[in-house]
C-alpha atoms as a PDB file:
ATOM      1  CA  UNK A   1     -40.322  83.114 -45.806  1.00  0.00           C
ATOM      2  CA  UNK A   2     -41.194  86.700 -44.809  1.00  0.00           C
ATOM      3  CA  UNK A   3     -44.771  87.898 -45.215  1.00  0.00           C
ATOM      4  CA  UNK A   4     -45.439  90.586 -47.843  1.00  0.00           C
ATOM      5  CA  UNK A   5     -46.011  93.976 -46.250  1.00  0.00           C
ATOM      6  CA  UNK A   6     -49.144  94.908 -48.181  1.00  0.00           C
ATOM      7  CA  UNK A   7     -52.508  93.312 -47.418  1.00  0.00           C
ATOM      8  CA  UNK A   8     -53.466  92.672 -51.057  1.00  0.00           C
ATOM      9  CA  UNK A   9     -50.342  90.556 -51.588  1.00  0.00           C
ATOM     10  CA  UNK A  10     -50.919  88.669 -48.351  1.00  0.00           C
ATOM     11  CA  UNK A  11     -54.549  87.948 -49.302  1.00  0.00           C
ATOM     12  CA  UNK A  12     -53.432  86.762 -52.741  1.00  0.00           C
ATOM     13  CA  UNK A  13     -50.755  84.493 -51.212  1.00  0.00           C
ATOM     14  CA  UNK A  14     -53.113  83.016 -48.592  1.00  0.00           C
ATOM     15  CA  UNK A  15     -55.906  82.306 -51.083  1.00  0.00           C
ATOM     16  CA  UNK A  16     -53.529  80.894 -53.700  1.00  0.00           C
ATOM     17  CA  UNK A  17     -51.893  78.566 -51.197  1.00  0.00           C
ATOM     18  CA  UNK A  18     -55.201  77.379 -49.717  1.00  0.00           C
ATOM     19  CA  UNK A  19     -57.315  77.006 -52.857  1.00  0.00           C
ATOM     20  CA  UNK A  20     -55.066  76.875 -55.968  1.00  0.00           C
ATOM     21  CA  UNK A  21     -57.597  79.038 -57.832  1.00  0.00           C
ATOM     22  CA  UNK A  22     -58.065  79.018 -61.590  1.00  0.00           C
ATOM     23  CA  UNK A  23     -59.277  82.616 -61.289  1.00  0.00           C
ATOM     24  CA  UNK A  24     -58.364  85.128 -58.589  1.00  0.00           C
ATOM     25  CA  UNK A  25     -59.077  88.851 -58.754  1.00  0.00           C
ATOM     26  CA  UNK A  26     -58.602  91.056 -55.690  1.00  0.00           C
ATOM     27  CA  UNK A  27     -59.534  94.727 -55.585  1.00  0.00           C
ATOM     28  CA  UNK A  28     -58.771  97.191 -52.788  1.00  0.00           C
ATOM     29  CA  UNK A  29     -62.036  99.128 -52.363  1.00  0.00           C
ATOM     30  CA  UNK A  30     -60.898 101.007 -49.256  1.00  0.00           C
ATOM     31  CA  UNK A  31     -61.018 104.408 -50.973  1.00  0.00           C
ATOM     32  CA  UNK A  32     -64.778 103.947 -51.491  1.00  0.00           C
ATOM     33  CA  UNK A  33     -65.275 103.630 -47.725  1.00  0.00           C
ATOM     34  CA  UNK A  34     -63.256 106.589 -46.428  1.00  0.00           C
ATOM     35  CA  UNK A  35     -64.967 107.982 -43.351  1.00  0.00           C
ATOM     36  CA  UNK A  36     -67.120 104.886 -42.844  1.00  0.00           C
ATOM     37  CA  UNK A  37     -66.942 102.393 -39.985  1.00  0.00           C
ATOM     38  CA  UNK A  38     -63.847 100.240 -40.145  1.00  0.00           C
ATOM     39  CA  UNK A  39     -62.045 102.484 -42.627  1.00  0.00           C
ATOM     40  CA  UNK A  40     -58.470 103.401 -41.728  1.00  0.00           C
ATOM     41  CA  UNK A  41     -56.524 106.444 -42.946  1.00  0.00           C
ATOM     42  CA  UNK A  42     -53.985 104.208 -44.707  1.00  0.00           C
ATOM     43  CA  UNK A  43     -56.630 102.082 -46.419  1.00  0.00           C
ATOM     44  CA  UNK A  44     -56.223  98.309 -46.783  1.00  0.00           C
ATOM     45  CA  UNK A  45     -59.524  97.689 -44.956  1.00  0.00           C
ATOM     46  CA  UNK A  46     -62.121  96.864 -47.636  1.00  0.00           C
ATOM     47  CA  UNK A  47     -61.579  94.392 -50.483  1.00  0.00           C
ATOM     48  CA  UNK A  48     -63.515  92.587 -53.193  1.00  0.00           C
ATOM     49  CA  UNK A  49     -62.436  89.066 -54.153  1.00  0.00           C
ATOM     50  CA  UNK A  50     -63.510  87.002 -57.134  1.00  0.00           C
ATOM     51  CA  UNK A  51     -62.202  83.462 -56.883  1.00  0.00           C
ATOM     52  CA  UNK A  52     -62.875  80.237 -58.767  1.00  0.00           C
ATOM     53  CA  UNK A  53     -61.441  76.991 -57.455  1.00  0.00           C
ATOM     54  CA  UNK A  54     -62.075  73.248 -57.587  1.00  0.00           C
ATOM     55  CA  UNK A  55     -61.664  73.329 -53.788  1.00  0.00           C
ATOM     56  CA  UNK A  56     -65.202  74.748 -53.522  1.00  0.00           C
ATOM     57  CA  UNK A  57     -66.809  71.835 -55.383  1.00  0.00           C
ATOM     58  CA  UNK A  58     -69.682  70.404 -53.331  1.00  0.00           C
ATOM     59  CA  UNK A  59     -69.675  73.263 -50.802  1.00  0.00           C
ATOM     60  CA  UNK A  60     -72.668  75.527 -50.269  1.00  0.00           C
ATOM     61  CA  UNK A  61     -72.226  79.265 -50.725  1.00  0.00           C
ATOM     62  CA  UNK A  62     -72.105  79.708 -46.934  1.00  0.00           C
ATOM     63  CA  UNK A  63     -69.556  76.888 -46.502  1.00  0.00           C
ATOM     64  CA  UNK A  64     -67.385  78.408 -49.228  1.00  0.00           C
ATOM     65  CA  UNK A  65     -67.521  81.852 -47.636  1.00  0.00           C
ATOM     66  CA  UNK A  66     -66.739  80.472 -44.170  1.00  0.00           C
ATOM     67  CA  UNK A  67     -63.781  78.542 -45.562  1.00  0.00           C
ATOM     68  CA  UNK A  68     -62.385  81.678 -47.198  1.00  0.00           C
ATOM     69  CA  UNK A  69     -62.941  83.754 -44.052  1.00  0.00           C
ATOM     70  CA  UNK A  70     -61.098  81.170 -41.945  1.00  0.00           C
ATOM     71  CA  UNK A  71     -58.105  81.287 -44.303  1.00  0.00           C
ATOM     72  CA  UNK A  72     -58.076  85.089 -44.026  1.00  0.00           C
ATOM     73  CA  UNK A  73     -58.653  85.245 -40.247  1.00  0.00           C
ATOM     74  CA  UNK A  74     -55.163  86.655 -39.595  1.00  0.00           C
ATOM     75  CA  UNK A  75     -55.964  89.551 -41.939  1.00  0.00           C
ATOM     76  CA  UNK A  76     -59.265  90.260 -40.179  1.00  0.00           C
ATOM     77  CA  UNK A  77     -57.399  90.162 -36.868  1.00  0.00           C
ATOM     78  CA  UNK A  78     -54.922  92.758 -38.157  1.00  0.00           C
ATOM     79  CA  UNK A  79     -57.301  95.341 -39.634  1.00  0.00           C
ATOM     80  CA  UNK A  80     -59.173  93.886 -42.608  1.00  0.00           C
ATOM     81  CA  UNK A  81     -62.719  95.131 -42.042  1.00  0.00           C
ATOM     82  CA  UNK A  82     -64.828  93.981 -44.983  1.00  0.00           C
ATOM     83  CA  UNK A  83     -64.585  91.451 -47.791  1.00  0.00           C
ATOM     84  CA  UNK A  84     -67.037  91.249 -50.695  1.00  0.00           C
ATOM     85  CA  UNK A  85     -66.860  87.713 -52.068  1.00  0.00           C
ATOM     86  CA  UNK A  86     -67.752  86.217 -55.409  1.00  0.00           C
ATOM     87  CA  UNK A  87     -66.630  82.597 -55.087  1.00  0.00           C
ATOM     88  CA  UNK A  88     -67.514  79.616 -57.237  1.00  0.00           C
ATOM     89  CA  UNK A  89     -66.369  76.094 -57.945  1.00  0.00           C
ATOM     90  CA  UNK A  90     -64.233  75.473 -61.013  1.00  0.00           C
END
């Protein structure tokens, strides 16, 4: 199955597959960071994610964030610079 070409779709697919969230909201905030470190002319560098999933049950906030970051490592490796997370257990 080919990967979607836009980062937001790839993030959505990766998080959905890994965590089967009951809530998932992803916002591209790149325009707010134009000219800042890590910002790219084409955007797709800074995102906010709100996710609620039973997969986070029993995990600390740090464990939850690390788990999400690991799932998105390929995106960080390919230009994702910053991710603001709001994650909670369902």
